[in-house]
Amino acid sequence: MNNCLKELRAERSWSQADLASALDVSRQTVNAIEKGRYDPSLPLAFTISQLFERRIEEIFFP
């Protein structure tokens, strides 16, 4: 699944580690999501959506 997570993270000048800490996941998980190698669970997608104050569809897309 494609996403704009890296761009959203960069807008806030957050490292992958910063985002991982905010989401309570590993940095490797953030990296895998950004590269499209891992699709987040629905609860994690909602948490990401709330953190960036965007709809899930604005962050994740086919």
Protein backbone atom coordinates (compact mmCIF):
# COMPACT_ATOMS: atom_id res chain seq x y z
CA MET A 1 0.00 0.00 0.00
CA ASN A 2 1.35 3.41 -0.94
CA ASN A 3 1.41 6.23 1.55
CA CYS A 4 2.71 9.75 2.17
CA LEU A 5 3.96 9.01 5.69
CA LYS A 6 7.54 10.04 4.93
CA GLU A 7 6.40 13.43 3.63
CA LEU A 8 4.13 14.02 6.63
CA ARG A 9 6.96 13.08 8.96
CA ALA A 10 9.37 15.41 7.14
CA GLU A 11 6.91 18.33 7.44
CA ARG A 12 7.29 18.04 11.19
CA SER A 13 11.06 17.43 11.06
CA TRP A 14 10.57 14.11 12.85
CA SER A 15 12.97 11.23 12.50
CA GLN A 16 11.67 7.72 12.04
CA ALA A 17 12.57 7.14 15.68
CA ASP A 18 10.49 10.14 16.76
CA LEU A 19 7.46 8.87 14.87
CA ALA A 20 7.99 5.33 16.13
CA SER A 21 8.04 6.60 19.70
CA ALA A 22 4.82 8.56 19.18
CA LEU A 23 3.15 5.47 17.71
CA ASP A 24 4.66 3.03 20.23
CA VAL A 25 6.19 0.88 17.46
CA SER A 26 9.76 0.20 16.38
CA ARG A 27 11.69 2.40 13.98
CA GLN A 28 11.92 -0.62 11.68
CA THR A 29 8.11 -0.74 11.54
CA VAL A 30 7.94 2.91 10.51
CA ASN A 31 10.59 2.27 7.86
CA ALA A 32 8.71 -0.74 6.49
CA ILE A 33 5.41 1.18 6.34
CA GLU A 34 7.07 4.11 4.56
CA LYS A 35 8.61 1.79 1.98
CA GLY A 36 5.34 -0.07 1.44
CA ARG A 37 6.73 -3.38 2.69
CA TYR A 38 4.29 -3.53 5.60
CA ASP A 39 0.64 -2.51 5.78
CA PRO A 40 -0.28 -1.20 9.22
CA SER A 41 -3.07 -2.74 11.21
CA LEU A 42 -6.33 -0.81 11.25
CA PRO A 43 -5.78 0.44 14.83
CA LEU A 44 -2.28 1.63 13.89
CA ALA A 45 -3.61 3.34 10.75
CA PHE A 46 -6.19 5.16 12.89
CA THR A 47 -3.47 6.23 15.34
CA ILE A 48 -1.34 7.56 12.47
CA SER A 49 -4.38 9.36 11.09
CA GLN A 50 -5.11 11.01 14.44
CA LEU A 51 -1.48 11.94 15.00
CA PHE A 52 -1.24 13.77 11.66
CA GLU A 53 -4.83 15.05 11.83
CA ARG A 54 -5.64 13.59 8.41
CA ARG A 55 -8.14 11.06 7.15
CA ILE A 56 -6.75 7.57 6.61
CA GLU A 57 -7.51 7.91 2.88
CA GLU A 58 -5.29 10.99 2.71
CA ILE A 59 -2.32 9.04 4.10
CA PHE A 60 -2.78 5.55 2.64
CA PHE A 61 -3.83 4.78 -0.92
CA PRO A 62 -3.68 1.83 -3.37
